[in-house]
PDB file of N, CA and C in Angstrom:
ATOM      1  N   MET A   1       4.711 -48.617  26.364  1.00  0.00           N
ATOM      2  CA  MET A   1       4.987 -47.350  25.717  1.00  0.00           C
ATOM      3  C   MET A   1       3.678 -46.776  25.195  1.00  0.00           C
ATOM      4  N   SER A   2       3.395 -45.584  25.575  1.00  0.00           N
ATOM      5  CA  SER A   2       2.146 -44.932  25.193  1.00  0.00           C
ATOM      6  C   SER A   2       2.440 -43.865  24.142  1.00  0.00           C
ATOM      7  N   THR A   3       1.617 -43.803  23.119  1.00  0.00           N
ATOM      8  CA  THR A   3       1.790 -42.759  22.109  1.00  0.00           C
ATOM      9  C   THR A   3       0.665 -41.758  22.249  1.00  0.00           C
ATOM     10  N   SER A   4       1.002 -40.527  22.118  1.00  0.00           N
ATOM     11  CA  SER A   4       0.027 -39.446  22.239  1.00  0.00           C
ATOM     12  C   SER A   4      -0.249 -38.896  20.853  1.00  0.00           C
ATOM     13  N   HIS A   5      -1.501 -38.735  20.534  1.00  0.00           N
ATOM     14  CA  HIS A   5      -1.899 -38.162  19.250  1.00  0.00           C
ATOM     15  C   HIS A   5      -2.471 -36.778  19.490  1.00  0.00           C
ATOM     16  N   HIS A   6      -1.872 -35.794  18.874  1.00  0.00           N
ATOM     17  CA  HIS A   6      -2.324 -34.416  19.013  1.00  0.00           C
ATOM     18  C   HIS A   6      -3.236 -34.092  17.837  1.00  0.00           C
ATOM     19  N   THR A   7      -4.403 -33.606  18.119  1.00  0.00           N
ATOM     20  CA  THR A   7      -5.337 -33.201  17.066  1.00  0.00           C
ATOM     21  C   THR A   7      -5.597 -31.702  17.200  1.00  0.00           C
ATOM     22  N   PRO A   8      -6.062 -31.068  16.135  1.00  0.00           N
ATOM     23  CA  PRO A   8      -6.365 -29.639  16.219  1.00  0.00           C
ATOM     24  C   PRO A   8      -7.369 -29.326  17.330  1.00  0.00           C
ATOM     25  N   ALA A   9      -8.274 -30.247  17.637  1.00  0.00           N
ATOM     26  CA  ALA A   9      -9.253 -30.023  18.691  1.00  0.00           C
ATOM     27  C   ALA A   9      -8.589 -29.945  20.064  1.00  0.00           C
ATOM     28  N   ASP A  10      -7.410 -30.550  20.209  1.00  0.00           N
ATOM     29  CA  ASP A  10      -6.694 -30.511  21.477  1.00  0.00           C
ATOM     30  C   ASP A  10      -5.999 -29.168  21.704  1.00  0.00           C
ATOM     31  N   ASP A  11      -5.862 -28.396  20.662  1.00  0.00           N
ATOM     32  CA  ASP A  11      -5.140 -27.136  20.752  1.00  0.00           C
ATOM     33  C   ASP A  11      -6.026 -26.103  21.441  1.00  0.00           C
ATOM     34  N   THR A  12      -5.569 -25.587  22.566  1.00  0.00           N
ATOM     35  CA  THR A  12      -6.385 -24.651  23.333  1.00  0.00           C
ATOM     36  C   THR A  12      -5.974 -23.199  23.121  1.00  0.00           C
ATOM     37  N   ARG A  13      -5.037 -22.965  22.189  1.00  0.00           N
ATOM     38  CA  ARG A  13      -4.627 -21.592  21.925  1.00  0.00           C
ATOM     39  C   ARG A  13      -5.769 -20.827  21.266  1.00  0.00           C
ATOM     40  N   THR A  14      -5.839 -19.551  21.542  1.00  0.00           N
ATOM     41  CA  THR A  14      -6.877 -18.720  20.930  1.00  0.00           C
ATOM     42  C   THR A  14      -6.235 -17.491  20.317  1.00  0.00           C
ATOM     43  N   ALA A  15      -6.937 -16.913  19.389  1.00  0.00           N
ATOM     44  CA  ALA A  15      -6.456 -15.691  18.750  1.00  0.00           C
ATOM     45  C   ALA A  15      -6.587 -14.542  19.738  1.00  0.00           C
ATOM     46  N   PRO A  16      -5.683 -13.580  19.673  1.00  0.00           N
ATOM     47  CA  PRO A  16      -5.793 -12.434  20.575  1.00  0.00           C
ATOM     48  C   PRO A  16      -7.067 -11.658  20.295  1.00  0.00           C
ATOM     49  N   GLU A  17      -7.632 -11.089  21.353  1.00  0.00           N
ATOM     50  CA  GLU A  17      -8.849 -10.314  21.182  1.00  0.00           C
ATOM     51  C   GLU A  17      -8.522  -8.989  20.545  1.00  0.00           C
ATOM     52  N   LYS A  18      -9.468  -8.513  19.731  1.00  0.00           N
ATOM     53  CA  LYS A  18      -9.282  -7.229  19.073  1.00  0.00           C
ATOM     54  C   LYS A  18      -9.523  -6.115  20.074  1.00  0.00           C
ATOM     55  N   SER A  19      -8.784  -5.047  19.893  1.00  0.00           N
ATOM     56  CA  SER A  19      -8.949  -3.864  20.725  1.00  0.00           C
ATOM     57  C   SER A  19     -10.175  -3.097  20.262  1.00  0.00           C
ATOM     58  N   ASN A  20     -10.821  -2.419  21.175  1.00  0.00           N
ATOM     59  CA  ASN A  20     -11.989  -1.613  20.824  1.00  0.00           C
ATOM     60  C   ASN A  20     -11.605  -0.182  20.503  1.00  0.00           C
ATOM     61  N   ASP A  21     -10.319   0.088  20.315  1.00  0.00           N
ATOM     62  CA  ASP A  21      -9.853   1.440  20.039  1.00  0.00           C
ATOM     63  C   ASP A  21     -10.415   1.997  18.743  1.00  0.00           C
ATOM     64  N   ASP A  22     -10.746   1.159  17.786  1.00  0.00           N
ATOM     65  CA  ASP A  22     -11.209   1.618  16.481  1.00  0.00           C
ATOM     66  C   ASP A  22     -12.724   1.558  16.353  1.00  0.00           C
ATOM     67  N   THR A  23     -13.435   1.633  17.465  1.00  0.00           N
ATOM     68  CA  THR A  23     -14.890   1.609  17.407  1.00  0.00           C
ATOM     69  C   THR A  23     -15.440   2.915  17.915  1.00  0.00           C
ATOM     70  N   ASP A  24     -16.618   3.275  17.412  1.00  0.00           N
ATOM     71  CA  ASP A  24     -17.251   4.493  17.896  1.00  0.00           C
ATOM     72  C   ASP A  24     -18.227   4.143  19.012  1.00  0.00           C
ATOM     73  N   ASP A  25     -19.049   5.098  19.443  1.00  0.00           N
ATOM     74  CA  ASP A  25     -19.955   4.878  20.567  1.00  0.00           C
ATOM     75  C   ASP A  25     -20.982   3.790  20.306  1.00  0.00           C
ATOM     76  N   THR A  26     -21.259   3.494  19.040  1.00  0.00           N
ATOM     77  CA  THR A  26     -22.243   2.467  18.712  1.00  0.00           C
ATOM     78  C   THR A  26     -21.604   1.091  18.606  1.00  0.00           C
ATOM     79  N   GLY A  27     -20.270   1.025  18.756  1.00  0.00           N
ATOM     80  CA  GLY A  27     -19.571  -0.252  18.653  1.00  0.00           C
ATOM     81  C   GLY A  27     -19.176  -0.592  17.232  1.00  0.00           C
ATOM     82  N   GLU A  28     -19.440   0.307  16.283  1.00  0.00           N
ATOM     83  CA  GLU A  28     -19.103   0.067  14.890  1.00  0.00           C
ATOM     84  C   GLU A  28     -17.661   0.463  14.611  1.00  0.00           C
ATOM     85  N   THR A  29     -17.036  -0.213  13.664  1.00  0.00           N
ATOM     86  CA  THR A  29     -15.662   0.089  13.313  1.00  0.00           C
ATOM     87  C   THR A  29     -15.575   1.438  12.639  1.00  0.00           C
ATOM     88  N   ASN A  30     -14.553   2.202  12.999  1.00  0.00           N
ATOM     89  CA  ASN A  30     -14.349   3.533  12.447  1.00  0.00           C
ATOM     90  C   ASN A  30     -13.213   3.466  11.441  1.00  0.00           C
ATOM     91  N   ASP A  31     -13.521   3.609  10.145  1.00  0.00           N
ATOM     92  CA  ASP A  31     -12.517   3.500   9.083  1.00  0.00           C
ATOM     93  C   ASP A  31     -11.954   4.847   8.659  1.00  0.00           C
ATOM     94  N   VAL A  32     -12.313   5.934   9.346  1.00  0.00           N
ATOM     95  CA  VAL A  32     -11.852   7.261   8.966  1.00  0.00           C
ATOM     96  C   VAL A  32     -10.332   7.341   9.038  1.00  0.00           C
ATOM     97  N   ASP A  33      -9.733   6.796  10.111  1.00  0.00           N
ATOM     98  CA  ASP A  33      -8.280   6.838  10.248  1.00  0.00           C
ATOM     99  C   ASP A  33      -7.606   6.123   9.096  1.00  0.00           C
ATOM    100  N   ASP A  34      -8.140   4.982   8.668  1.00  0.00           N
ATOM    101  CA  ASP A  34      -7.565   4.241   7.553  1.00  0.00           C
ATOM    102  C   ASP A  34      -7.640   5.049   6.266  1.00  0.00           C
ATOM    103  N   ALA A  35      -8.765   5.724   6.023  1.00  0.00           N
ATOM    104  CA  ALA A  35      -8.927   6.517   4.807  1.00  0.00           C
ATOM    105  C   ALA A  35      -7.944   7.684   4.808  1.00  0.00           C
ATOM    106  N   GLU A  36      -7.775   8.343   5.947  1.00  0.00           N
ATOM    107  CA  GLU A  36      -6.829   9.452   6.021  1.00  0.00           C
ATOM    108  C   GLU A  36      -5.409   8.960   5.810  1.00  0.00           C
ATOM    109  N   SER A  37      -5.110   7.813   6.344  1.00  0.00           N
ATOM    110  CA  SER A  37      -3.785   7.239   6.185  1.00  0.00           C
ATOM    111  C   SER A  37      -3.508   6.943   4.708  1.00  0.00           C
ATOM    112  N   THR A  38      -4.474   6.387   4.018  1.00  0.00           N
ATOM    113  CA  THR A  38      -4.317   6.094   2.593  1.00  0.00           C
ATOM    114  C   THR A  38      -4.161   7.373   1.797  1.00  0.00           C
ATOM    115  N   ALA A  39      -4.949   8.385   2.135  1.00  0.00           N
ATOM    116  CA  ALA A  39      -4.852   9.669   1.429  1.00  0.00           C
ATOM    117  C   ALA A  39      -3.479  10.296   1.643  1.00  0.00           C
ATOM    118  N   THR A  40      -2.974  10.215   2.854  1.00  0.00           N
ATOM    119  CA  THR A  40      -1.653  10.760   3.156  1.00  0.00           C
ATOM    120  C   THR A  40      -0.575  10.021   2.373  1.00  0.00           C
ATOM    121  N   LYS A  41      -0.693   8.721   2.301  1.00  0.00           N
ATOM    122  CA  LYS A  41       0.272   7.918   1.541  1.00  0.00           C
ATOM    123  C   LYS A  41       0.216   8.278   0.055  1.00  0.00           C
ATOM    124  N   GLN A  42      -0.996   8.457  -0.467  1.00  0.00           N
ATOM    125  CA  GLN A  42      -1.149   8.842  -1.874  1.00  0.00           C
ATOM    126  C   GLN A  42      -0.494  10.189  -2.136  1.00  0.00           C
ATOM    127  N   GLN A  43      -0.700  11.142  -1.237  1.00  0.00           N
ATOM    128  CA  GLN A  43      -0.114  12.465  -1.402  1.00  0.00           C
ATOM    129  C   GLN A  43       1.406  12.396  -1.370  1.00  0.00           C
ATOM    130  N   ARG A  44       1.942  11.596  -0.458  1.00  0.00           N
ATOM    131  CA  ARG A  44       3.397  11.455  -0.342  1.00  0.00           C
ATOM    132  C   ARG A  44       3.988  10.828  -1.602  1.00  0.00           C
ATOM    133  N   LEU A  45       3.333   9.792  -2.114  1.00  0.00           N
ATOM    134  CA  LEU A  45       3.807   9.136  -3.330  1.00  0.00           C
ATOM    135  C   LEU A  45       3.703  10.079  -4.529  1.00  0.00           C
ATOM    136  N   ALA A  46       2.591  10.790  -4.644  1.00  0.00           N
ATOM    137  CA  ALA A  46       2.407  11.722  -5.767  1.00  0.00           C
ATOM    138  C   ALA A  46       3.466  12.823  -5.731  1.00  0.00           C
ATOM    139  N   ALA A  47       3.752  13.352  -4.551  1.00  0.00           N
ATOM    140  CA  ALA A  47       4.773  14.400  -4.428  1.00  0.00           C
ATOM    141  C   ALA A  47       6.144  13.865  -4.843  1.00  0.00           C
ATOM    142  N   TYR A  48       6.454  12.646  -4.432  1.00  0.00           N
ATOM    143  CA  TYR A  48       7.734  12.026  -4.808  1.00  0.00           C
ATOM    144  C   TYR A  48       7.822  11.862  -6.329  1.00  0.00           C
ATOM    145  N   LEU A  49       6.753  11.382  -6.944  1.00  0.00           N
ATOM    146  CA  LEU A  49       6.755  11.165  -8.392  1.00  0.00           C
ATOM    147  C   LEU A  49       6.878  12.488  -9.142  1.00  0.00           C
ATOM    148  N   ARG A  50       6.193  13.526  -8.660  1.00  0.00           N
ATOM    149  CA  ARG A  50       6.310  14.853  -9.290  1.00  0.00           C
ATOM    150  C   ARG A  50       7.757  15.347  -9.251  1.00  0.00           C
ATOM    151  N   GLU A  51       8.371  15.205  -8.096  1.00  0.00           N
ATOM    152  CA  GLU A  51       9.751  15.668  -7.924  1.00  0.00           C
ATOM    153  C   GLU A  51      10.713  14.898  -8.833  1.00  0.00           C
ATOM    154  N   GLN A  52      10.560  13.583  -8.884  1.00  0.00           N
ATOM    155  CA  GLN A  52      11.467  12.757  -9.669  1.00  0.00           C
ATOM    156  C   GLN A  52      11.263  12.926 -11.171  1.00  0.00           C
ATOM    157  N   ALA A  53      10.041  13.270 -11.567  1.00  0.00           N
ATOM    158  CA  ALA A  53       9.743  13.435 -12.996  1.00  0.00           C
ATOM    159  C   ALA A  53       9.781  14.901 -13.423  1.00  0.00           C
ATOM    160  N   ALA A  54      10.310  15.765 -12.590  1.00  0.00           N
ATOM    161  CA  ALA A  54      10.317  17.200 -12.872  1.00  0.00           C
ATOM    162  C   ALA A  54      11.040  17.544 -14.171  1.00  0.00           C
ATOM    163  N   ASP A  55      12.092  16.825 -14.495  1.00  0.00           N
ATOM    164  CA  ASP A  55      12.884  17.126 -15.694  1.00  0.00           C
ATOM    165  C   ASP A  55      12.548  16.224 -16.884  1.00  0.00           C
ATOM    166  N   GLY A  56      11.426  15.559 -16.835  1.00  0.00           N
ATOM    167  CA  GLY A  56      11.052  14.667 -17.932  1.00  0.00           C
ATOM    168  C   GLY A  56      10.276  13.483 -17.414  1.00  0.00           C
ATOM    169  N   GLU A  57      10.663  12.324 -17.882  1.00  0.00           N
ATOM    170  CA  GLU A  57       9.939  11.129 -17.482  1.00  0.00           C
ATOM    171  C   GLU A  57      10.749  10.314 -16.475  1.00  0.00           C
ATOM    172  N   LEU A  58      10.039   9.453 -15.767  1.00  0.00           N
ATOM    173  CA  LEU A  58      10.621   8.608 -14.735  1.00  0.00           C
ATOM    174  C   LEU A  58      10.152   7.177 -14.966  1.00  0.00           C
ATOM    175  N   TYR A  59      11.061   6.240 -14.897  1.00  0.00           N
ATOM    176  CA  TYR A  59      10.726   4.823 -14.949  1.00  0.00           C
ATOM    177  C   TYR A  59      11.145   4.235 -13.614  1.00  0.00           C
ATOM    178  N   PHE A  60      10.259   3.453 -12.997  1.00  0.00           N
ATOM    179  CA  PHE A  60      10.620   2.891 -11.701  1.00  0.00           C
ATOM    180  C   PHE A  60       9.905   1.573 -11.443  1.00  0.00           C
ATOM    181  N   LYS A  61      10.484   0.799 -10.548  1.00  0.00           N
ATOM    182  CA  LYS A  61       9.847  -0.390  -9.989  1.00  0.00           C
ATOM    183  C   LYS A  61       9.590  -0.077  -8.525  1.00  0.00           C
ATOM    184  N   SER A  62       8.441  -0.474  -8.038  1.00  0.00           N
ATOM    185  CA  SER A  62       8.028  -0.147  -6.678  1.00  0.00           C
ATOM    186  C   SER A  62       9.065  -0.534  -5.636  1.00  0.00           C
ATOM    187  N   LYS A  63       9.666  -1.695  -5.796  1.00  0.00           N
ATOM    188  CA  LYS A  63      10.608  -2.168  -4.782  1.00  0.00           C
ATOM    189  C   LYS A  63      11.848  -1.281  -4.682  1.00  0.00           C
ATOM    190  N   PHE A  64      12.161  -0.527  -5.736  1.00  0.00           N
ATOM    191  CA  PHE A  64      13.350   0.318  -5.718  1.00  0.00           C
ATOM    192  C   PHE A  64      13.103   1.705  -5.129  1.00  0.00           C
ATOM    193  N   ILE A  65      11.842   2.122  -5.031  1.00  0.00           N
ATOM    194  CA  ILE A  65      11.557   3.431  -4.435  1.00  0.00           C
ATOM    195  C   ILE A  65      10.880   3.304  -3.070  1.00  0.00           C
ATOM    196  N   ALA A  66      10.627   2.095  -2.634  1.00  0.00           N
ATOM    197  CA  ALA A  66       9.893   1.858  -1.382  1.00  0.00           C
ATOM    198  C   ALA A  66      10.520   2.586  -0.194  1.00  0.00           C
ATOM    199  N   ASP A  67      11.824   2.493  -0.042  1.00  0.00           N
ATOM    200  CA  ASP A  67      12.492   3.170   1.075  1.00  0.00           C
ATOM    201  C   ASP A  67      12.404   4.683   0.949  1.00  0.00           C
ATOM    202  N   ASP A  68      12.471   5.192  -0.276  1.00  0.00           N
ATOM    203  CA  ASP A  68      12.432   6.642  -0.497  1.00  0.00           C
ATOM    204  C   ASP A  68      11.109   7.259  -0.049  1.00  0.00           C
ATOM    205  N   VAL A  69      10.012   6.523  -0.192  1.00  0.00           N
ATOM    206  CA  VAL A  69       8.691   7.058   0.155  1.00  0.00           C
ATOM    207  C   VAL A  69       8.114   6.432   1.425  1.00  0.00           C
ATOM    208  N   ASP A  70       8.925   5.615   2.091  1.00  0.00           N
ATOM    209  CA  ASP A  70       8.525   4.971   3.341  1.00  0.00           C
ATOM    210  C   ASP A  70       7.219   4.184   3.194  1.00  0.00           C
ATOM    211  N   LEU A  71       7.148   3.401   2.110  1.00  0.00           N
ATOM    212  CA  LEU A  71       6.007   2.527   1.836  1.00  0.00           C
ATOM    213  C   LEU A  71       6.543   1.184   1.379  1.00  0.00           C
ATOM    214  N   SER A  72       5.730   0.159   1.491  1.00  0.00           N
ATOM    215  CA  SER A  72       6.141  -1.143   0.963  1.00  0.00           C
ATOM    216  C   SER A  72       5.875  -1.170  -0.541  1.00  0.00           C
ATOM    217  N   ALA A  73       6.539  -2.066  -1.229  1.00  0.00           N
ATOM    218  CA  ALA A  73       6.318  -2.205  -2.669  1.00  0.00           C
ATOM    219  C   ALA A  73       4.854  -2.541  -2.954  1.00  0.00           C
ATOM    220  N   LYS A  74       4.264  -3.327  -2.094  1.00  0.00           N
ATOM    221  CA  LYS A  74       2.859  -3.704  -2.262  1.00  0.00           C
ATOM    222  C   LYS A  74       1.947  -2.477  -2.110  1.00  0.00           C
ATOM    223  N   GLU A  75       2.244  -1.623  -1.125  1.00  0.00           N
ATOM    224  CA  GLU A  75       1.454  -0.399  -0.945  1.00  0.00           C
ATOM    225  C   GLU A  75       1.581   0.509  -2.161  1.00  0.00           C
ATOM    226  N   ILE A  76       2.791   0.643  -2.675  1.00  0.00           N
ATOM    227  CA  ILE A  76       3.014   1.489  -3.854  1.00  0.00           C
ATOM    228  C   ILE A  76       2.214   0.956  -5.031  1.00  0.00           C
ATOM    229  N   GLY A  77       2.224  -0.358  -5.225  1.00  0.00           N
ATOM    230  CA  GLY A  77       1.467  -0.961  -6.319  1.00  0.00           C
ATOM    231  C   GLY A  77      -0.013  -0.646  -6.247  1.00  0.00           C
ATOM    232  N   ALA A  78      -0.579  -0.689  -5.043  1.00  0.00           N
ATOM    233  CA  ALA A  78      -1.999  -0.381  -4.872  1.00  0.00           C
ATOM    234  C   ALA A  78      -2.267   1.112  -5.042  1.00  0.00           C
ATOM    235  N   LEU A  79      -1.381   1.936  -4.495  1.00  0.00           N
ATOM    236  CA  LEU A  79      -1.574   3.387  -4.570  1.00  0.00           C
ATOM    237  C   LEU A  79      -1.379   3.929  -5.981  1.00  0.00           C
ATOM    238  N   ILE A  80      -0.448   3.356  -6.724  1.00  0.00           N
ATOM    239  CA  ILE A  80      -0.159   3.875  -8.069  1.00  0.00           C
ATOM    240  C   ILE A  80      -1.383   3.700  -8.974  1.00  0.00           C
ATOM    241  N   LEU A  81      -2.133   2.634  -8.760  1.00  0.00           N
ATOM    242  CA  LEU A  81      -3.359   2.426  -9.542  1.00  0.00           C
ATOM    243  C   LEU A  81      -4.385   3.514  -9.244  1.00  0.00           C
ATOM    244  N   LYS A  82      -4.473   3.916  -7.980  1.00  0.00           N
ATOM    245  CA  LYS A  82      -5.392   4.996  -7.605  1.00  0.00           C
ATOM    246  C   LYS A  82      -4.917   6.327  -8.174  1.00  0.00           C
ATOM    247  N   LEU A  83      -3.610   6.542  -8.147  1.00  0.00           N
ATOM    248  CA  LEU A  83      -3.060   7.801  -8.653  1.00  0.00           C
ATOM    249  C   LEU A  83      -3.256   7.958 -10.155  1.00  0.00           C
ATOM    250  N   GLN A  84      -3.276   6.846 -10.891  1.00  0.00           N
ATOM    251  CA  GLN A  84      -3.461   6.915 -12.343  1.00  0.00           C
ATOM    252  C   GLN A  84      -4.722   7.693 -12.708  1.00  0.00           C
ATOM    253  N   ASP A  85      -5.765   7.510 -11.930  1.00  0.00           N
ATOM    254  CA  ASP A  85      -7.054   8.127 -12.241  1.00  0.00           C
ATOM    255  C   ASP A  85      -7.322   9.430 -11.490  1.00  0.00           C
ATOM    256  N   SER A  86      -6.496   9.741 -10.491  1.00  0.00           N
ATOM    257  CA  SER A  86      -6.836  10.875  -9.643  1.00  0.00           C
ATOM    258  C   SER A  86      -5.859  12.049  -9.688  1.00  0.00           C
ATOM    259  N   VAL A  87      -4.719  11.893 -10.345  1.00  0.00           N
ATOM    260  CA  VAL A  87      -3.731  12.972 -10.384  1.00  0.00           C
ATOM    261  C   VAL A  87      -3.649  13.507 -11.806  1.00  0.00           C
ATOM    262  N   ALA A  88      -4.102  14.758 -11.965  1.00  0.00           N
ATOM    263  CA  ALA A  88      -4.198  15.347 -13.307  1.00  0.00           C
ATOM    264  C   ALA A  88      -2.853  15.755 -13.893  1.00  0.00           C
ATOM    265  N   ASP A  89      -1.882  16.083 -13.049  1.00  0.00           N
ATOM    266  CA  ASP A  89      -0.617  16.608 -13.578  1.00  0.00           C
ATOM    267  C   ASP A  89       0.443  15.536 -13.819  1.00  0.00           C
ATOM    268  N   LEU A  90       0.067  14.268 -13.652  1.00  0.00           N
ATOM    269  CA  LEU A  90       0.988  13.165 -13.922  1.00  0.00           C
ATOM    270  C   LEU A  90       0.345  12.159 -14.867  1.00  0.00           C
ATOM    271  N   SER A  91       1.111  11.726 -15.835  1.00  0.00           N
ATOM    272  CA  SER A  91       0.686  10.626 -16.699  1.00  0.00           C
ATOM    273  C   SER A  91       1.394   9.375 -16.172  1.00  0.00           C
ATOM    274  N   ILE A  92       0.616   8.415 -15.708  1.00  0.00           N
ATOM    275  CA  ILE A  92       1.183   7.203 -15.114  1.00  0.00           C
ATOM    276  C   ILE A  92       0.699   6.008 -15.917  1.00  0.00           C
ATOM    277  N   GLU A  93       1.642   5.220 -16.403  1.00  0.00           N
ATOM    278  CA  GLU A  93       1.252   4.032 -17.163  1.00  0.00           C
ATOM    279  C   GLU A  93       2.143   2.845 -16.826  1.00  0.00           C
ATOM    280  N   ARG A  94       1.536   1.685 -16.916  1.00  0.00           N
ATOM    281  CA  ARG A  94       2.296   0.453 -16.735  1.00  0.00           C
ATOM    282  C   ARG A  94       3.139   0.289 -17.984  1.00  0.00           C
ATOM    283  N   TRP A  95       4.451   0.226 -17.807  1.00  0.00           N
ATOM    284  CA  TRP A  95       5.352   0.234 -18.948  1.00  0.00           C
ATOM    285  C   TRP A  95       5.742  -1.176 -19.372  1.00  0.00           C
ATOM    286  N   SER A  96       6.214  -1.970 -18.447  1.00  0.00           N
ATOM    287  CA  SER A  96       6.610  -3.347 -18.784  1.00  0.00           C
ATOM    288  C   SER A  96       6.591  -4.209 -17.533  1.00  0.00           C
ATOM    289  N   TYR A  97       6.756  -5.500 -17.740  1.00  0.00           N
ATOM    290  CA  TYR A  97       6.812  -6.414 -16.608  1.00  0.00           C
ATOM    291  C   TYR A  97       7.942  -7.412 -16.824  1.00  0.00           C
ATOM    292  N   THR A  98       8.988  -7.259 -16.039  1.00  0.00           N
ATOM    293  CA  THR A  98      10.086  -8.234 -15.999  1.00  0.00           C
ATOM    294  C   THR A  98      10.495  -8.360 -14.545  1.00  0.00           C
ATOM    295  N   SER A  99      10.053  -9.383 -13.912  1.00  0.00           N
ATOM    296  CA  SER A  99      10.262  -9.683 -12.495  1.00  0.00           C
ATOM    297  C   SER A  99       9.501  -8.741 -11.564  1.00  0.00           C
ATOM    298  N   ALA A 100       8.998  -7.655 -12.073  1.00  0.00           N
ATOM    299  CA  ALA A 100       8.130  -6.724 -11.344  1.00  0.00           C
ATOM    300  C   ALA A 100       7.673  -5.669 -12.341  1.00  0.00           C
ATOM    301  N   THR A 101       6.567  -5.029 -12.051  1.00  0.00           N
ATOM    302  CA  THR A 101       6.052  -4.006 -12.959  1.00  0.00           C
ATOM    303  C   THR A 101       6.957  -2.787 -12.986  1.00  0.00           C
ATOM    304  N   THR A 102       7.257  -2.324 -14.172  1.00  0.00           N
ATOM    305  CA  THR A 102       7.956  -1.053 -14.339  1.00  0.00           C
ATOM    306  C   THR A 102       6.907  -0.021 -14.727  1.00  0.00           C
ATOM    307  N   TRP A 103       6.900   1.102 -14.014  1.00  0.00           N
ATOM    308  CA  TRP A 103       5.955   2.175 -14.264  1.00  0.00           C
ATOM    309  C   TRP A 103       6.662   3.334 -14.948  1.00  0.00           C
ATOM    310  N   ARG A 104       5.948   4.009 -15.819  1.00  0.00           N
ATOM    311  CA  ARG A 104       6.465   5.206 -16.492  1.00  0.00           C
ATOM    312  C   ARG A 104       5.616   6.384 -16.017  1.00  0.00           C
ATOM    313  N   VAL A 105       6.279   7.425 -15.541  1.00  0.00           N
ATOM    314  CA  VAL A 105       5.594   8.617 -15.043  1.00  0.00           C
ATOM    315  C   VAL A 105       6.131   9.837 -15.789  1.00  0.00           C
ATOM    316  N   GLU A 106       5.239  10.707 -16.211  1.00  0.00           N
ATOM    317  CA  GLU A 106       5.622  11.921 -16.903  1.00  0.00           C
ATOM    318  C   GLU A 106       4.757  13.071 -16.412  1.00  0.00           C
ATOM    319  N   ARG A 107       5.364  14.217 -16.225  1.00  0.00           N
ATOM    320  CA  ARG A 107       4.595  15.416 -15.846  1.00  0.00           C
ATOM    321  C   ARG A 107       3.788  15.859 -17.058  1.00  0.00           C
ATOM    322  N   THR A 108       2.539  16.233 -16.838  1.00  0.00           N
ATOM    323  CA  THR A 108       1.692  16.668 -17.945  1.00  0.00           C
ATOM    324  C   THR A 108       1.525  18.174 -17.974  1.00  0.00           C
ATOM    325  N   ASN A 109       1.910  18.864 -16.932  1.00  0.00           N
ATOM    326  CA  ASN A 109       1.785  20.339 -16.876  1.00  0.00           C
ATOM    327  C   ASN A 109       3.142  20.956 -16.794  1.00  0.00           C
TER     328      ASN A 109
END
């Protein structure tokens, strides 16, 4: 009876090669599309928050509005931090933390 020992060195699988679609003529990665995508997501989230807080203040957890803004809870968490400093007509603050961060949003204008 022969026993075979498999080691990581025996594994011949390789990672898929990256596509060159995101490179420019010099072969460098082009991050412009990513920046525009983030800006678009920020605008969509800000518009949603303005609409929801139109009559006063809004309290929310990212996971509960994710479907409404077509973003993941993780994306909302990252974007909301950027919006805190960049959107003048909204006051955004971390309100509490119980199983997830609750955010408080209020229109300032």
